[in-house]
Amino acid sequence: MIKQILICAIGALLFSCGSGKDASKGKSSKMDEIATMPLPIHLQDFKWEFQGDVSDDFNYKFAPTNAKIIFGENKWLNFYHSKWDGPGTTYWKYNHASVDGSELIIKASRWNKDKQFEPVYTKGVKMDKPDGGVNAGCISSVGKVVYPVYIESKSSVANIVLASDVWLLSPDATQEIDIMECYGGAEHGNAYFAKSIHVSHHSFIRKPFTDYQPRDMGAWYHREGVKAWGEYCWNNGDRKYVRTGVYWKSPVHFEHYIDGELYRVLYDKSIATKRNGKWEYGYPTMTDGKLDVKNGKQKITNFSTLDHYSFAELEKANAVSTVSIIDPYEYQGGKGYTKELNIIVNLESQDWHVKAGRTPSDEDLLNPDRNTMKVDWIRVFKPVQ
């Protein structure tokens, strides 16, 4: 682990952080900058320790390679954290992830069954689409994180009909927290999804495969003036970035942040989401053992609406609720999220989009400006106990 040192206060906030790459020269490094950058205002009531061993400024070079390799001072694997090579028509490839000296580069290209990069897919053709496969980059952290922890990334979404993702997953793939899932480009019928950043979590049973995630409208973040996040981030080639973070406070408490602003809190049996400038507090319900649905979305019963966020108000909603928002079917044995999770960054061509015809064209995949997701940094903090 990078040596921990105490650094100066920023306002009322103190951090403990890693020394950074240039500290020995007496110069401020990019790692120092991300370590000392203030955390969201809602997290500034107590001290935090910067976790240098699982944070990265990507201020180095890692060339694409057609082999599985650990890079970035032993922080990352240039692939998924198991043998699986991607959902839908995705084929994760080692050489589609690199670092250019200042940023992580995750790219996509057209998959060719007869001219494959490593790892070679030997099970035929995914989703019976020989001309629709997508090579994509994926990296996984070597180290893991566990609550209480705050993880944040500064990313530029690919302007293409693929998911640009920053997420957390347990090694057994049963507990997942999505920091950012963004469907980028507005082309090919994807305009509805391109305007949103999806923040969520999944509770899985692997056999038989079963998946729970909150499916209410509040899981989709919209920003006034942004019609498509891919177009916004691409910005005619002058890339823009969005900061997305999650405070995994306890096994039953997740807080989602976007550009430093608290957006959504899931706590035990209750939920609060900021929508249209107001905070909506509520809770899920069940009928005959199944989650209630309204207008095709998970039903959230409204408890109150306020102009501001209040954890005390969320606790009031929680007190009248009888259904978990974290894991209502108790796939995790009623314990919530307790396992160590890897940090994963990737592009994906997901099956539900492919089935609906939302998939990139050859022209999209040949455009290196639009088919690339970039990550400026990832930073991780733990509260000082």
Protein backbone atom coordinates (compact mmCIF):
# COMPACT_ATOMS: atom_id res chain seq x y z
CA MET A 1 0.00 0.00 0.00
CA ILE A 2 1.18 3.54 -0.76
CA LYS A 3 2.52 5.08 2.42
CA GLN A 4 -0.12 7.10 4.25
CA ILE A 5 0.74 10.65 5.28
CA LEU A 6 -1.19 13.50 6.81
CA ILE A 7 -1.75 16.49 4.53
CA CYS A 8 -3.08 19.99 4.98
CA ALA A 9 -6.68 20.92 5.75
CA ILE A 10 -9.02 22.13 3.01
CA GLY A 11 -11.59 24.32 4.66
CA ALA A 12 -12.86 22.33 7.63
CA LEU A 13 -11.95 19.01 6.04
CA LEU A 14 -8.87 16.91 6.78
CA PHE A 15 -7.63 13.97 4.78
CA SER A 16 -4.99 11.29 5.27
CA CYS A 17 -3.60 10.31 1.91
CA GLY A 18 -0.98 8.55 -0.18
CA SER A 19 2.22 10.44 -0.91
CA GLY A 20 1.71 10.64 -4.70
CA LYS A 21 4.21 10.01 -7.48
CA ASP A 22 6.13 13.28 -7.31
CA ALA A 23 6.06 13.90 -3.56
CA SER A 24 9.70 12.91 -3.22
CA LYS A 25 10.58 15.83 -5.51
CA GLY A 26 8.61 18.30 -3.39
CA LYS A 27 6.12 18.88 -6.19
CA SER A 28 2.36 18.48 -6.15
CA SER A 29 1.33 15.51 -8.28
CA LYS A 30 -1.98 14.61 -9.85
CA MET A 31 -2.37 11.95 -7.16
CA ASP A 32 -1.99 14.66 -4.53
CA GLU A 33 -4.65 16.69 -6.31
CA ILE A 34 -7.24 13.93 -6.32
CA ALA A 35 -6.40 13.08 -2.71
CA THR A 36 -6.92 16.64 -1.49
CA MET A 37 -9.82 17.66 -3.69
CA PRO A 38 -12.78 18.22 -1.34
CA LEU A 39 -15.28 15.43 -1.06
CA PRO A 40 -19.00 16.18 -1.53
CA ILE A 41 -20.39 18.55 1.08
CA HIS A 42 -22.49 15.83 2.70
CA LEU A 43 -19.31 13.87 3.47
CA GLN A 44 -17.34 16.71 5.05
CA ASP A 45 -18.47 16.26 8.64
CA PHE A 46 -15.71 13.80 9.47
CA LYS A 47 -12.18 12.83 8.47
CA TRP A 48 -11.26 10.54 5.60
CA GLU A 49 -8.20 8.48 4.74
CA PHE A 50 -7.17 8.35 1.07
CA GLN A 51 -6.64 4.80 -0.19
CA GLY A 52 -3.70 5.10 -2.54
CA ASP A 53 -3.49 1.38 -3.26
CA VAL A 54 -6.88 1.33 -5.04
CA SER A 55 -6.89 4.92 -6.35
CA ASP A 56 -5.24 5.94 -9.63
CA ASP A 57 -4.42 9.19 -11.44
CA PHE A 58 -3.53 7.30 -14.66
CA ASN A 59 -0.56 9.63 -14.96
CA TYR A 60 1.61 7.01 -16.66
CA LYS A 61 1.69 4.98 -19.87
CA PHE A 62 0.45 1.46 -20.46
CA ALA A 63 0.46 0.41 -24.11
CA PRO A 64 -2.23 -1.90 -25.50
CA THR A 65 -1.12 -5.51 -25.36
CA ASN A 66 -2.62 -8.70 -26.75
CA ALA A 67 -2.03 -10.52 -23.47
CA LYS A 68 -3.57 -10.55 -20.02
CA ILE A 69 -1.40 -8.44 -17.76
CA ILE A 70 -1.43 -6.54 -14.47
CA PHE A 71 -0.46 -2.89 -14.85
CA GLY A 72 -0.43 0.47 -13.05
CA GLU A 73 1.82 -0.43 -10.11
CA ASN A 74 -0.05 -3.73 -9.69
CA LYS A 75 -3.44 -2.02 -9.35
CA TRP A 76 -5.26 -3.27 -12.46
CA LEU A 77 -5.86 -6.29 -14.65
CA ASN A 78 -6.59 -5.48 -18.31
CA PHE A 79 -9.65 -7.76 -18.27
CA TYR A 80 -12.68 -8.74 -16.22
CA HIS A 81 -11.96 -10.30 -12.82
CA SER A 82 -12.97 -13.79 -14.01
CA LYS A 83 -12.92 -15.72 -17.31
CA TRP A 84 -16.25 -14.28 -18.52
CA ASP A 85 -15.69 -12.03 -21.55
CA GLY A 86 -18.80 -9.85 -21.53
CA PRO A 87 -22.59 -9.62 -21.84
CA GLY A 88 -24.77 -9.51 -24.95
CA THR A 89 -22.60 -9.13 -28.05
CA THR A 90 -19.58 -7.90 -26.04
CA TYR A 91 -16.18 -9.54 -26.44
CA TRP A 92 -13.79 -8.01 -23.92
CA LYS A 93 -10.27 -7.93 -25.32
CA TYR A 94 -6.97 -7.31 -23.53
CA ASN A 95 -5.71 -4.77 -26.08
CA HIS A 96 -8.76 -2.50 -25.86
CA ALA A 97 -7.60 -0.99 -22.55
CA SER A 98 -4.57 1.30 -22.24
CA VAL A 99 -3.23 4.38 -20.46
CA ASP A 100 -1.92 7.28 -22.55
CA GLY A 101 0.07 9.18 -19.93
CA SER A 102 -2.82 11.04 -18.34
CA GLU A 103 -5.99 8.96 -18.81
CA LEU A 104 -7.32 5.43 -18.93
CA ILE A 105 -8.53 4.64 -22.46
CA ILE A 106 -11.28 2.06 -22.98
CA LYS A 107 -12.11 1.58 -26.67
CA ALA A 108 -14.46 -0.46 -28.85
CA SER A 109 -14.23 -1.99 -32.34
CA ARG A 110 -16.08 -4.48 -34.57
CA TRP A 111 -15.57 -8.11 -33.61
CA ASN A 112 -14.47 -10.45 -36.39
CA LYS A 113 -14.85 -14.19 -35.76
CA ASP A 114 -11.96 -15.04 -38.11
CA LYS A 115 -9.55 -12.30 -36.95
CA GLN A 116 -9.87 -12.22 -33.19
CA PHE A 117 -7.74 -10.48 -30.62
CA GLU A 118 -7.00 -12.29 -27.37
CA PRO A 119 -8.79 -13.84 -25.63
CA VAL A 120 -10.25 -15.76 -28.55
CA TYR A 121 -13.92 -16.63 -28.19
CA THR A 122 -14.42 -20.32 -29.02
CA LYS A 123 -18.14 -20.85 -28.36
CA GLY A 124 -19.48 -19.74 -31.72
CA VAL A 125 -21.23 -16.38 -32.00
CA LYS A 126 -22.96 -14.43 -29.25
CA MET A 127 -26.70 -13.82 -29.68
CA ASP A 128 -26.46 -15.34 -33.18
CA LYS A 129 -25.10 -12.06 -34.56
CA PRO A 130 -21.90 -12.81 -36.50
CA ASP A 131 -21.73 -9.27 -37.87
CA GLY A 132 -22.89 -7.53 -34.69
CA GLY A 133 -20.19 -8.39 -32.18
CA VAL A 134 -18.27 -5.64 -30.39
CA ASN A 135 -14.71 -5.83 -29.08
CA ALA A 136 -14.39 -3.70 -25.95
CA GLY A 137 -11.99 -2.87 -23.15
CA CYS A 138 -12.42 -3.87 -19.52
CA ILE A 139 -10.20 -3.45 -16.47
CA SER A 140 -10.61 -4.80 -12.93
CA SER A 141 -8.87 -3.70 -9.76
CA VAL A 142 -6.46 -6.15 -8.18
CA GLY A 143 -7.32 -4.79 -4.75
CA LYS A 144 -10.83 -4.74 -3.32
CA VAL A 145 -12.96 -2.31 -1.36
CA VAL A 146 -15.42 -2.87 1.45
CA TYR A 147 -17.74 -0.62 3.43
CA PRO A 148 -17.51 2.02 4.79
CA VAL A 149 -15.90 3.46 1.66
CA TYR A 150 -16.35 6.28 -0.85
CA ILE A 151 -15.38 5.61 -4.48
CA GLU A 152 -15.47 8.30 -7.17
CA SER A 153 -14.40 8.49 -10.80
CA LYS A 154 -13.99 11.31 -13.29
CA SER A 155 -15.03 9.85 -16.63
CA SER A 156 -15.85 10.87 -20.19
CA VAL A 157 -18.59 8.69 -21.67
CA ALA A 158 -18.11 7.17 -25.14
CA ASN A 159 -20.38 8.84 -27.73
CA ILE A 160 -21.61 5.55 -29.08
CA VAL A 161 -24.51 3.15 -28.46
CA LEU A 162 -22.67 1.16 -25.78
CA ALA A 163 -22.73 1.28 -21.98
CA SER A 164 -19.83 3.18 -20.39
CA ASP A 165 -19.52 1.69 -16.91
CA VAL A 166 -17.79 2.19 -13.57
CA TRP A 167 -18.97 -0.40 -11.07
CA LEU A 168 -18.19 -2.66 -8.15
CA LEU A 169 -18.63 -6.45 -8.06
CA SER A 170 -17.86 -9.24 -5.62
CA PRO A 171 -15.56 -12.03 -6.89
CA ASP A 172 -18.49 -14.47 -6.79
CA ALA A 173 -20.64 -12.00 -8.80
CA THR A 174 -23.49 -11.91 -6.28
CA GLN A 175 -23.20 -8.30 -5.03
CA GLU A 176 -22.90 -5.36 -7.45
CA ILE A 177 -22.98 -1.58 -7.00
CA ASP A 178 -23.17 0.56 -10.14
CA ILE A 179 -21.40 3.91 -9.79
CA MET A 180 -22.11 4.88 -13.40
CA GLU A 181 -23.88 3.09 -16.23
CA CYS A 182 -24.33 5.45 -19.16
CA TYR A 183 -25.56 4.49 -22.62
CA GLY A 184 -23.75 7.26 -24.47
CA GLY A 185 -24.71 7.90 -28.06
CA ALA A 186 -28.23 8.90 -29.08
CA GLU A 187 -28.16 7.11 -32.46
CA HIS A 188 -29.98 3.92 -33.48
CA GLY A 189 -33.02 4.50 -31.27
CA ASN A 190 -31.00 5.14 -28.12
CA ALA A 191 -32.00 8.78 -27.50
CA TYR A 192 -34.21 7.92 -24.52
CA PHE A 193 -31.42 6.10 -22.67
CA ALA A 194 -28.60 8.41 -23.77
CA LYS A 195 -30.03 11.30 -21.75
CA SER A 196 -29.60 9.43 -18.46
CA ILE A 197 -26.91 8.19 -16.10
CA HIS A 198 -28.07 5.01 -14.44
CA VAL A 199 -27.09 4.42 -10.79
CA SER A 200 -28.18 1.20 -9.14
CA HIS A 201 -27.16 -2.04 -7.47
CA HIS A 202 -27.84 -5.73 -8.13
CA SER A 203 -28.37 -8.63 -5.77
CA PHE A 204 -27.79 -11.94 -7.58
CA ILE A 205 -28.29 -15.63 -7.17
CA ARG A 206 -26.11 -17.35 -9.75
CA LYS A 207 -27.89 -20.74 -9.98
CA PRO A 208 -30.61 -20.52 -11.04
CA PHE A 209 -29.73 -17.02 -12.23
CA THR A 210 -31.86 -14.44 -10.41
CA ASP A 211 -31.37 -10.69 -10.36
CA TYR A 212 -32.86 -7.93 -8.21
CA GLN A 213 -32.21 -4.24 -8.68
CA PRO A 214 -34.34 -1.19 -7.83
CA ARG A 215 -36.33 -0.37 -10.96
CA ASP A 216 -37.97 2.92 -10.06
CA MET A 217 -37.60 6.03 -12.22
CA GLY A 218 -35.30 7.64 -9.65
CA ALA A 219 -32.47 5.30 -10.71
CA TRP A 220 -32.12 7.37 -13.92
CA TYR A 221 -30.36 10.71 -13.42
CA HIS A 222 -31.19 13.53 -15.83
CA ARG A 223 -29.53 16.94 -16.10
CA GLU A 224 -31.19 19.94 -17.65
CA GLY A 225 -29.56 20.78 -20.97
CA VAL A 226 -28.01 17.33 -21.51
CA LYS A 227 -29.86 15.51 -24.30
CA ALA A 228 -27.23 12.77 -24.63
CA TRP A 229 -24.31 12.13 -22.29
CA GLY A 230 -22.17 10.78 -25.11
CA GLU A 231 -22.59 13.99 -27.08
CA TYR A 232 -22.06 16.09 -23.93
CA CYS A 233 -18.81 14.29 -23.05
CA TRP A 234 -17.54 14.12 -26.65
CA ASN A 235 -18.13 17.89 -27.00
CA ASN A 236 -16.96 18.05 -30.63
CA GLY A 237 -13.67 16.44 -29.65
CA ASP A 238 -12.95 18.70 -26.66
CA ARG A 239 -13.88 16.10 -24.07
CA LYS A 240 -15.94 16.88 -20.98
CA TYR A 241 -16.09 14.72 -17.87
CA VAL A 242 -18.59 13.75 -15.20
CA ARG A 243 -17.75 12.75 -11.64
CA THR A 244 -19.78 9.86 -10.29
CA GLY A 245 -19.37 8.43 -6.82
CA VAL A 246 -20.94 6.12 -4.27
CA TYR A 247 -20.61 6.12 -0.50
CA TRP A 248 -21.13 2.53 0.54
CA LYS A 249 -21.72 3.42 4.16
CA SER A 250 -22.99 0.12 5.52
CA PRO A 251 -24.43 -3.19 4.25
CA VAL A 252 -27.81 -1.44 3.84
CA HIS A 253 -26.85 2.17 3.09
CA PHE A 254 -25.71 3.50 -0.34
CA GLU A 255 -25.37 7.17 -1.30
CA HIS A 256 -24.93 8.16 -4.96
CA TYR A 257 -23.19 11.41 -5.97
CA ILE A 258 -22.88 13.10 -9.36
CA ASP A 259 -20.42 15.98 -9.82
CA GLY A 260 -20.17 16.27 -6.05
CA GLU A 261 -23.92 16.58 -5.50
CA LEU A 262 -25.87 14.03 -3.51
CA TYR A 263 -28.51 12.58 -5.81
CA ARG A 264 -29.91 9.38 -4.34
CA VAL A 265 -29.82 7.53 -1.01
CA LEU A 266 -30.93 3.95 -0.42
CA TYR A 267 -31.20 3.07 3.25
CA ASP A 268 -32.47 -0.27 4.53
CA LYS A 269 -36.21 -0.15 3.74
CA SER A 270 -36.42 3.44 2.41
CA ILE A 271 -35.19 5.63 -0.41
CA ALA A 272 -34.67 9.32 -1.16
CA THR A 273 -34.05 10.77 -4.63
CA LYS A 274 -33.60 14.34 -5.79
CA ARG A 275 -35.92 14.91 -8.75
CA ASN A 276 -36.92 18.21 -10.34
CA GLY A 277 -35.19 20.12 -7.55
CA LYS A 278 -37.08 18.34 -4.75
CA TRP A 279 -36.19 15.45 -2.48
CA GLU A 280 -38.72 12.63 -2.67
CA TYR A 281 -38.77 10.21 0.29
CA GLY A 282 -40.48 6.86 0.04
CA TYR A 283 -40.34 3.10 0.36
CA PRO A 284 -41.08 -0.06 -1.67
CA THR A 285 -44.03 -2.35 -1.09
CA MET A 286 -44.91 -5.95 -1.85
CA THR A 287 -48.10 -7.87 -2.62
CA ASP A 288 -48.15 -11.65 -2.22
CA GLY A 289 -44.37 -11.73 -1.92
CA LYS A 290 -43.69 -9.74 -5.10
CA LEU A 291 -42.57 -6.14 -5.42
CA ASP A 292 -45.34 -3.81 -6.49
CA VAL A 293 -45.09 -2.26 -9.96
CA LYS A 294 -46.74 0.88 -11.36
CA ASN A 295 -46.62 1.95 -15.01
CA GLY A 296 -43.96 -0.66 -15.71
CA LYS A 297 -41.62 0.60 -12.98
CA GLN A 298 -41.07 -0.48 -9.40
CA LYS A 299 -43.61 1.31 -7.23
CA ILE A 300 -42.22 3.60 -4.54
CA THR A 301 -44.82 4.82 -2.06
CA ASN A 302 -44.29 8.52 -1.40
CA PHE A 303 -43.72 9.37 2.26
CA SER A 304 -42.86 13.06 1.89
CA THR A 305 -41.28 15.66 -0.38
CA LEU A 306 -38.83 18.28 0.90
CA ASP A 307 -36.65 21.02 -0.53
CA HIS A 308 -33.56 19.50 1.10
CA TYR A 309 -32.01 16.17 2.02
CA SER A 310 -32.57 14.98 5.58
CA PHE A 311 -31.41 11.62 6.88
CA ALA A 312 -33.83 12.08 9.78
CA GLU A 313 -36.68 12.25 7.27
CA LEU A 314 -35.38 9.12 5.56
CA GLU A 315 -35.36 7.35 8.91
CA LYS A 316 -39.02 8.29 9.38
CA ALA A 317 -39.89 6.70 6.04
CA ASN A 318 -37.81 3.69 7.01
CA ALA A 319 -39.74 3.29 10.26
CA VAL A 320 -43.06 2.74 8.46
CA SER A 321 -41.66 0.51 5.71
CA THR A 322 -41.66 -3.29 5.83
CA VAL A 323 -39.78 -4.04 2.57
CA SER A 324 -36.03 -3.74 1.95
CA ILE A 325 -34.88 -1.47 -0.87
CA ILE A 326 -31.44 -3.12 -0.81
CA ASP A 327 -32.32 -6.82 -1.03
CA PRO A 328 -36.09 -7.40 -0.69
CA TYR A 329 -35.95 -11.10 -1.61
CA GLU A 330 -33.00 -11.71 0.74
CA TYR A 331 -30.74 -13.20 -1.90
CA GLN A 332 -27.88 -12.18 0.40
CA GLY A 333 -29.42 -13.94 3.39
CA GLY A 334 -30.84 -10.74 4.84
CA LYS A 335 -27.34 -9.44 5.63
CA GLY A 336 -27.13 -6.77 2.94
CA TYR A 337 -23.86 -6.05 1.12
CA THR A 338 -20.94 -7.35 3.16
CA LYS A 339 -18.49 -8.80 0.63
CA GLU A 340 -15.30 -7.23 -0.71
CA LEU A 341 -15.82 -5.80 -4.21
CA ASN A 342 -13.51 -5.21 -7.18
CA ILE A 343 -13.63 -1.90 -9.07
CA ILE A 344 -14.42 -2.47 -12.77
CA VAL A 345 -14.36 -0.06 -15.73
CA ASN A 346 -15.55 -1.14 -19.18
CA LEU A 347 -17.64 -0.69 -22.30
CA GLU A 348 -20.50 -3.14 -22.95
CA SER A 349 -22.95 -4.14 -25.67
CA GLN A 350 -25.74 -5.40 -23.43
CA ASP A 351 -28.24 -8.01 -24.59
CA TRP A 352 -31.42 -6.03 -23.85
CA HIS A 353 -30.19 -3.18 -26.04
CA VAL A 354 -29.12 -5.52 -28.84
CA LYS A 355 -32.54 -7.22 -28.79
CA ALA A 356 -34.14 -3.79 -29.27
CA GLY A 357 -31.82 -2.91 -32.17
CA ARG A 358 -29.77 -0.43 -30.16
CA THR A 359 -26.30 -1.37 -31.32
CA PRO A 360 -23.41 0.58 -32.91
CA SER A 361 -22.75 0.61 -36.65
CA ASP A 362 -19.40 -0.15 -38.29
CA GLU A 363 -19.01 3.58 -38.89
CA ASP A 364 -19.49 4.31 -35.19
CA LEU A 365 -16.94 1.69 -34.19
CA LEU A 366 -14.35 3.04 -36.66
CA ASN A 367 -14.48 6.55 -35.17
CA PRO A 368 -11.71 6.76 -32.53
CA ASP A 369 -13.06 10.01 -31.05
CA ARG A 370 -16.54 8.66 -30.42
CA ASN A 371 -15.90 4.98 -29.67
CA THR A 372 -13.68 5.66 -26.64
CA MET A 373 -14.43 6.02 -22.96
CA LYS A 374 -11.84 7.96 -20.98
CA VAL A 375 -11.20 8.05 -17.24
CA ASP A 376 -9.13 10.87 -15.76
CA TRP A 377 -8.92 9.37 -12.27
CA ILE A 378 -10.45 7.06 -9.71
CA ARG A 379 -10.16 7.89 -6.03
CA VAL A 380 -11.11 5.93 -2.93
CA PHE A 381 -11.48 7.06 0.69
CA LYS A 382 -12.34 5.41 3.97
CA PRO A 383 -13.70 7.34 6.95
CA VAL A 384 -11.35 7.58 9.90
CA GLN A 385 -12.85 5.48 12.67
